[in-house]
Amino acid sequence: MIKAKSSEKEPHRVYFTLNESSFRVFCDCKAGTFQQLCKHKTAFLDNDRKMLHDPAQQKELDNVHEWLKQTSWSGKYTRITKEIAGIEKDVAQLQTRRKELRKDFSVMLSKGVNVEHLS
């Protein structure tokens, strides 16, 4: 168990379960209790020591990463995080485009739209 910094009084606890064939991560923050990806899990998976509540736990985090290096996890994590980043970029671009279209549509409706009768 590694303690993560929190905006609350108490740190969140992140549990890593490692065995011969599987790897699990659980965080006791609100998102983590609903089995969602949280910033505490991703920070520790990215080996972000700034998220450590107790810097003395750096060795424990290093041990987790040393174990993971000996598995297929690295490739899977890299592939998944790159795909997520690409999707997030696409979503941001689509949101920008949506905002532009809504603004253009609003202006068009306010100023009036030329129409022709279809007969």
N, C-alpha and C. Protein backbone atom coordinates (compact mmCIF):
# COMPACT_ATOMS: atom_id res chain seq x y z
N MET A 1 0.85 -1.18 0.00
CA MET A 1 0.00 0.00 0.00
C MET A 1 0.89 1.24 0.00
N ILE A 2 0.57 2.15 -0.89
CA ILE A 2 1.31 3.40 -0.98
C ILE A 2 0.31 4.54 -0.80
N LYS A 3 0.67 5.49 0.04
CA LYS A 3 -0.22 6.62 0.32
C LYS A 3 -0.01 7.72 -0.71
N ALA A 4 -1.14 8.22 -1.23
CA ALA A 4 -1.11 9.29 -2.24
C ALA A 4 -1.59 10.60 -1.62
N LYS A 5 -1.03 11.70 -2.09
CA LYS A 5 -1.49 13.02 -1.64
C LYS A 5 -2.96 13.17 -1.99
N SER A 6 -3.63 13.96 -1.18
CA SER A 6 -5.07 14.16 -1.35
C SER A 6 -5.42 15.59 -1.03
N SER A 7 -6.51 16.07 -1.63
CA SER A 7 -7.00 17.41 -1.29
C SER A 7 -7.77 17.37 0.03
N GLU A 8 -8.02 16.16 0.50
CA GLU A 8 -8.69 15.98 1.79
C GLU A 8 -7.63 15.91 2.89
N LYS A 9 -8.07 15.82 4.14
CA LYS A 9 -7.12 15.75 5.25
C LYS A 9 -6.23 14.53 5.17
N GLU A 10 -6.84 13.40 4.97
CA GLU A 10 -6.11 12.14 4.99
C GLU A 10 -5.66 11.75 3.58
N PRO A 11 -4.50 11.11 3.47
CA PRO A 11 -4.05 10.64 2.15
C PRO A 11 -4.91 9.48 1.68
N HIS A 12 -4.91 9.26 0.36
CA HIS A 12 -5.59 8.09 -0.19
C HIS A 12 -4.61 6.94 -0.21
N ARG A 13 -5.15 5.74 -0.08
CA ARG A 13 -4.32 4.54 -0.08
C ARG A 13 -4.47 3.83 -1.42
N VAL A 14 -3.33 3.57 -2.05
CA VAL A 14 -3.32 2.88 -3.34
C VAL A 14 -2.67 1.52 -3.12
N TYR A 15 -3.42 0.48 -3.46
CA TYR A 15 -2.96 -0.89 -3.25
C TYR A 15 -2.56 -1.51 -4.59
N PHE A 16 -1.40 -2.12 -4.61
CA PHE A 16 -0.93 -2.85 -5.78
C PHE A 16 -0.90 -4.32 -5.42
N THR A 17 -1.56 -5.13 -6.24
CA THR A 17 -1.53 -6.57 -6.03
C THR A 17 -0.79 -7.17 -7.21
N LEU A 18 0.33 -7.78 -6.92
CA LEU A 18 1.18 -8.36 -7.96
C LEU A 18 1.35 -9.85 -7.68
N ASN A 19 1.17 -10.65 -8.72
CA ASN A 19 1.49 -12.06 -8.58
C ASN A 19 2.03 -12.57 -9.91
N GLU A 20 2.20 -13.85 -10.04
CA GLU A 20 2.81 -14.43 -11.25
C GLU A 20 2.11 -14.03 -12.54
N SER A 21 0.78 -13.94 -12.52
CA SER A 21 0.06 -13.74 -13.79
C SER A 21 -0.87 -12.54 -13.83
N SER A 22 -0.94 -11.76 -12.76
CA SER A 22 -1.85 -10.61 -12.81
C SER A 22 -1.34 -9.45 -11.98
N PHE A 23 -1.93 -8.33 -12.27
CA PHE A 23 -1.55 -7.07 -11.64
C PHE A 23 -2.83 -6.27 -11.44
N ARG A 24 -3.06 -5.82 -10.23
CA ARG A 24 -4.26 -5.03 -9.93
C ARG A 24 -3.87 -3.80 -9.14
N VAL A 25 -4.66 -2.74 -9.33
CA VAL A 25 -4.44 -1.50 -8.59
C VAL A 25 -5.80 -1.05 -8.06
N PHE A 26 -5.84 -0.71 -6.78
CA PHE A 26 -7.06 -0.20 -6.16
C PHE A 26 -6.71 1.05 -5.38
N CYS A 27 -7.54 2.07 -5.49
CA CYS A 27 -7.38 3.31 -4.72
C CYS A 27 -8.65 3.54 -3.92
N ASP A 28 -8.48 4.01 -2.69
CA ASP A 28 -9.67 4.23 -1.85
C ASP A 28 -10.28 5.62 -2.00
N CYS A 29 -9.87 6.38 -3.03
CA CYS A 29 -10.54 7.67 -3.29
C CYS A 29 -11.93 7.39 -3.86
N LYS A 30 -12.73 8.43 -3.98
CA LYS A 30 -14.11 8.26 -4.45
C LYS A 30 -14.17 7.57 -5.82
N ALA A 31 -13.38 8.05 -6.79
CA ALA A 31 -13.38 7.44 -8.13
C ALA A 31 -12.89 5.99 -8.05
N GLY A 32 -11.83 5.78 -7.27
CA GLY A 32 -11.26 4.44 -7.16
C GLY A 32 -12.22 3.43 -6.57
N THR A 33 -13.04 3.85 -5.61
CA THR A 33 -13.99 2.91 -5.00
C THR A 33 -15.07 2.48 -5.99
N PHE A 34 -15.25 3.28 -7.06
CA PHE A 34 -16.18 2.91 -8.12
C PHE A 34 -15.46 2.27 -9.30
N GLN A 35 -14.22 1.83 -9.05
CA GLN A 35 -13.38 1.15 -10.04
C GLN A 35 -13.12 2.02 -11.27
N GLN A 36 -13.04 3.32 -11.05
CA GLN A 36 -12.72 4.25 -12.12
C GLN A 36 -11.23 4.56 -12.07
N LEU A 37 -10.70 5.01 -13.19
CA LEU A 37 -9.32 5.42 -13.25
C LEU A 37 -9.20 6.77 -12.55
N CYS A 38 -8.32 6.85 -11.56
CA CYS A 38 -8.15 8.10 -10.83
C CYS A 38 -6.74 8.64 -11.00
N LYS A 39 -6.55 9.88 -10.61
CA LYS A 39 -5.25 10.52 -10.77
C LYS A 39 -4.19 9.88 -9.88
N HIS A 40 -4.60 9.25 -8.79
CA HIS A 40 -3.65 8.61 -7.89
C HIS A 40 -3.06 7.35 -8.54
N LYS A 41 -3.93 6.55 -9.15
CA LYS A 41 -3.46 5.35 -9.85
C LYS A 41 -2.55 5.74 -11.01
N THR A 42 -3.00 6.67 -11.83
CA THR A 42 -2.22 7.02 -13.01
C THR A 42 -0.89 7.67 -12.62
N ALA A 43 -0.89 8.49 -11.57
CA ALA A 43 0.37 9.11 -11.14
C ALA A 43 1.38 8.04 -10.72
N PHE A 44 0.93 7.08 -9.95
CA PHE A 44 1.85 6.03 -9.52
C PHE A 44 2.26 5.12 -10.67
N LEU A 45 1.34 4.86 -11.60
CA LEU A 45 1.71 4.06 -12.77
C LEU A 45 2.70 4.81 -13.65
N ASP A 46 2.64 6.14 -13.63
CA ASP A 46 3.60 6.96 -14.37
C ASP A 46 4.88 7.20 -13.56
N ASN A 47 4.93 6.59 -12.38
CA ASN A 47 6.09 6.73 -11.48
C ASN A 47 6.28 8.17 -11.04
N ASP A 48 5.19 8.88 -10.84
CA ASP A 48 5.21 10.27 -10.41
C ASP A 48 5.38 10.34 -8.90
N ARG A 49 6.59 10.62 -8.47
CA ARG A 49 6.91 10.65 -7.04
C ARG A 49 6.27 11.85 -6.33
N LYS A 50 5.87 12.87 -7.10
CA LYS A 50 5.25 14.05 -6.49
C LYS A 50 3.90 13.71 -5.85
N MET A 51 3.30 12.58 -6.26
CA MET A 51 2.01 12.18 -5.70
C MET A 51 2.18 11.45 -4.37
N LEU A 52 3.41 11.06 -4.03
CA LEU A 52 3.64 10.35 -2.78
C LEU A 52 3.31 11.25 -1.58
N HIS A 53 2.47 10.75 -0.70
CA HIS A 53 2.19 11.47 0.54
C HIS A 53 3.41 11.43 1.45
N ASP A 54 4.06 10.28 1.46
CA ASP A 54 5.24 10.07 2.29
C ASP A 54 6.43 9.74 1.38
N PRO A 55 7.35 10.67 1.20
CA PRO A 55 8.49 10.42 0.32
C PRO A 55 9.29 9.17 0.68
N ALA A 56 9.18 8.71 1.92
CA ALA A 56 9.88 7.50 2.34
C ALA A 56 9.34 6.26 1.62
N GLN A 57 8.17 6.38 0.99
CA GLN A 57 7.60 5.24 0.26
C GLN A 57 8.11 5.17 -1.19
N GLN A 58 9.07 5.99 -1.54
CA GLN A 58 9.63 5.97 -2.89
C GLN A 58 10.17 4.58 -3.24
N LYS A 59 10.80 3.93 -2.29
CA LYS A 59 11.36 2.59 -2.54
C LYS A 59 10.25 1.60 -2.89
N GLU A 60 9.10 1.70 -2.21
CA GLU A 60 7.98 0.81 -2.52
C GLU A 60 7.47 1.03 -3.94
N LEU A 61 7.37 2.30 -4.34
CA LEU A 61 6.94 2.62 -5.69
C LEU A 61 7.96 2.10 -6.70
N ASP A 62 9.24 2.26 -6.39
CA ASP A 62 10.29 1.73 -7.26
C ASP A 62 10.17 0.21 -7.40
N ASN A 63 9.86 -0.47 -6.30
CA ASN A 63 9.71 -1.93 -6.34
C ASN A 63 8.57 -2.34 -7.26
N VAL A 64 7.47 -1.60 -7.21
CA VAL A 64 6.34 -1.89 -8.09
C VAL A 64 6.79 -1.75 -9.55
N HIS A 65 7.49 -0.69 -9.85
CA HIS A 65 7.93 -0.45 -11.23
C HIS A 65 8.98 -1.45 -11.69
N GLU A 66 9.83 -1.87 -10.79
CA GLU A 66 10.82 -2.91 -11.16
C GLU A 66 10.12 -4.20 -11.51
N TRP A 67 9.09 -4.55 -10.74
CA TRP A 67 8.35 -5.77 -11.03
C TRP A 67 7.62 -5.65 -12.37
N LEU A 68 7.01 -4.50 -12.61
CA LEU A 68 6.26 -4.29 -13.85
C LEU A 68 7.15 -4.35 -15.08
N LYS A 69 8.40 -3.89 -14.95
CA LYS A 69 9.33 -3.94 -16.08
C LYS A 69 9.59 -5.37 -16.55
N GLN A 70 9.36 -6.32 -15.68
CA GLN A 70 9.61 -7.72 -16.01
C GLN A 70 8.38 -8.41 -16.57
N THR A 71 7.35 -7.62 -16.88
CA THR A 71 6.10 -8.18 -17.40
C THR A 71 5.75 -7.51 -18.72
N SER A 72 4.64 -7.94 -19.29
CA SER A 72 4.15 -7.34 -20.54
C SER A 72 3.39 -6.03 -20.28
N TRP A 73 3.31 -5.62 -19.04
CA TRP A 73 2.53 -4.45 -18.66
C TRP A 73 2.98 -3.19 -19.37
N SER A 74 4.29 -2.96 -19.46
CA SER A 74 4.80 -1.71 -20.05
C SER A 74 4.23 -1.45 -21.43
N GLY A 75 4.26 -2.46 -22.28
CA GLY A 75 3.74 -2.30 -23.64
C GLY A 75 2.26 -2.01 -23.65
N LYS A 76 1.52 -2.71 -22.81
CA LYS A 76 0.07 -2.50 -22.73
C LYS A 76 -0.23 -1.09 -22.24
N TYR A 77 0.47 -0.67 -21.21
CA TYR A 77 0.23 0.64 -20.63
C TYR A 77 0.54 1.75 -21.63
N THR A 78 1.66 1.62 -22.31
CA THR A 78 2.05 2.61 -23.32
C THR A 78 1.01 2.69 -24.43
N ARG A 79 0.57 1.55 -24.93
CA ARG A 79 -0.41 1.52 -26.01
C ARG A 79 -1.73 2.16 -25.56
N ILE A 80 -2.20 1.79 -24.39
CA ILE A 80 -3.48 2.30 -23.90
C ILE A 80 -3.41 3.80 -23.62
N THR A 81 -2.33 4.26 -22.97
CA THR A 81 -2.25 5.68 -22.65
C THR A 81 -2.10 6.53 -23.90
N LYS A 82 -1.39 6.01 -24.92
CA LYS A 82 -1.29 6.75 -26.18
C LYS A 82 -2.66 6.84 -26.86
N GLU A 83 -3.40 5.75 -26.82
CA GLU A 83 -4.73 5.75 -27.45
C GLU A 83 -5.66 6.72 -26.71
N ILE A 84 -5.61 6.71 -25.39
CA ILE A 84 -6.44 7.63 -24.60
C ILE A 84 -6.07 9.08 -24.93
N ALA A 85 -4.78 9.37 -25.00
CA ALA A 85 -4.33 10.74 -25.32
C ALA A 85 -4.83 11.16 -26.70
N GLY A 86 -4.78 10.26 -27.67
CA GLY A 86 -5.28 10.56 -29.01
C GLY A 86 -6.78 10.85 -28.99
N ILE A 87 -7.51 10.05 -28.26
CA ILE A 87 -8.96 10.24 -28.17
C ILE A 87 -9.27 11.58 -27.48
N GLU A 88 -8.54 11.88 -26.42
CA GLU A 88 -8.77 13.15 -25.72
C GLU A 88 -8.48 14.34 -26.63
N LYS A 89 -7.46 14.22 -27.48
CA LYS A 89 -7.16 15.28 -28.44
C LYS A 89 -8.30 15.43 -29.44
N ASP A 90 -8.81 14.29 -29.95
CA ASP A 90 -9.93 14.32 -30.88
C ASP A 90 -11.16 14.94 -30.24
N VAL A 91 -11.43 14.58 -29.00
CA VAL A 91 -12.58 15.12 -28.29
C VAL A 91 -12.45 16.64 -28.14
N ALA A 92 -11.26 17.11 -27.79
CA ALA A 92 -11.04 18.56 -27.64
C ALA A 92 -11.29 19.28 -28.96
N GLN A 93 -10.81 18.70 -30.07
CA GLN A 93 -11.02 19.31 -31.38
C GLN A 93 -12.51 19.32 -31.73
N LEU A 94 -13.20 18.24 -31.44
CA LEU A 94 -14.64 18.16 -31.73
C LEU A 94 -15.42 19.16 -30.87
N GLN A 95 -15.02 19.32 -29.63
CA GLN A 95 -15.70 20.29 -28.77
C GLN A 95 -15.49 21.71 -29.28
N THR A 96 -14.29 22.00 -29.76
CA THR A 96 -14.01 23.32 -30.35
C THR A 96 -14.87 23.53 -31.58
N ARG A 97 -14.94 22.53 -32.44
CA ARG A 97 -15.74 22.63 -33.66
C ARG A 97 -17.21 22.80 -33.33
N ARG A 98 -17.70 22.06 -32.34
CA ARG A 98 -19.10 22.16 -31.91
C ARG A 98 -19.40 23.59 -31.43
N LYS A 99 -18.48 24.15 -30.64
CA LYS A 99 -18.66 25.50 -30.13
C LYS A 99 -18.75 26.51 -31.28
N GLU A 100 -17.85 26.33 -32.28
CA GLU A 100 -17.86 27.22 -33.44
C GLU A 100 -19.17 27.11 -34.21
N LEU A 101 -19.63 25.90 -34.44
CA LEU A 101 -20.88 25.70 -35.19
C LEU A 101 -22.08 26.28 -34.44
N ARG A 102 -22.11 26.07 -33.14
CA ARG A 102 -23.23 26.62 -32.35
C ARG A 102 -23.23 28.15 -32.41
N LYS A 103 -22.04 28.75 -32.35
CA LYS A 103 -21.95 30.21 -32.44
C LYS A 103 -22.41 30.68 -33.81
N ASP A 104 -21.91 30.04 -34.87
CA ASP A 104 -22.32 30.42 -36.23
C ASP A 104 -23.83 30.26 -36.42
N PHE A 105 -24.38 29.18 -35.90
CA PHE A 105 -25.81 28.91 -36.03
C PHE A 105 -26.62 29.97 -35.28
N SER A 106 -26.15 30.34 -34.11
CA SER A 106 -26.83 31.35 -33.31
C SER A 106 -26.84 32.70 -34.04
N VAL A 107 -25.68 33.07 -34.60
CA VAL A 107 -25.59 34.32 -35.35
C VAL A 107 -26.52 34.28 -36.56
N MET A 108 -26.53 33.16 -37.27
CA MET A 108 -27.37 32.99 -38.45
C MET A 108 -28.85 33.17 -38.08
N LEU A 109 -29.26 32.56 -36.98
CA LEU A 109 -30.66 32.67 -36.57
C LEU A 109 -31.00 34.08 -36.11
N SER A 110 -30.04 34.76 -35.47
CA SER A 110 -30.28 36.13 -34.99
C SER A 110 -30.38 37.13 -36.13
N LYS A 111 -29.53 36.96 -37.14
CA LYS A 111 -29.49 37.90 -38.25
C LYS A 111 -30.52 37.57 -39.32
N GLY A 112 -31.00 36.37 -39.30
CA GLY A 112 -31.97 35.94 -40.31
C GLY A 112 -31.31 35.05 -41.35
N VAL A 113 -32.09 34.15 -41.85
CA VAL A 113 -31.60 33.20 -42.84
C VAL A 113 -32.41 33.38 -44.11
N ASN A 114 -31.74 33.56 -45.24
CA ASN A 114 -32.44 33.65 -46.52
C ASN A 114 -33.00 32.28 -46.86
N VAL A 115 -34.28 32.29 -47.22
CA VAL A 115 -34.92 31.03 -47.61
C VAL A 115 -35.70 31.22 -48.90
N GLU A 116 -35.91 30.17 -49.62
CA GLU A 116 -36.71 30.20 -50.82
C GLU A 116 -37.86 29.22 -50.66
N HIS A 117 -39.00 29.59 -51.21
CA HIS A 117 -40.15 28.67 -51.18
C HIS A 117 -39.91 27.53 -52.15
N LEU A 118 -40.17 26.34 -51.71
CA LEU A 118 -40.10 25.18 -52.59
C LEU A 118 -41.52 24.88 -53.05
N SER A 119 -41.75 24.93 -54.33
CA SER A 119 -43.10 24.65 -54.82
C SER A 119 -43.09 23.56 -55.84
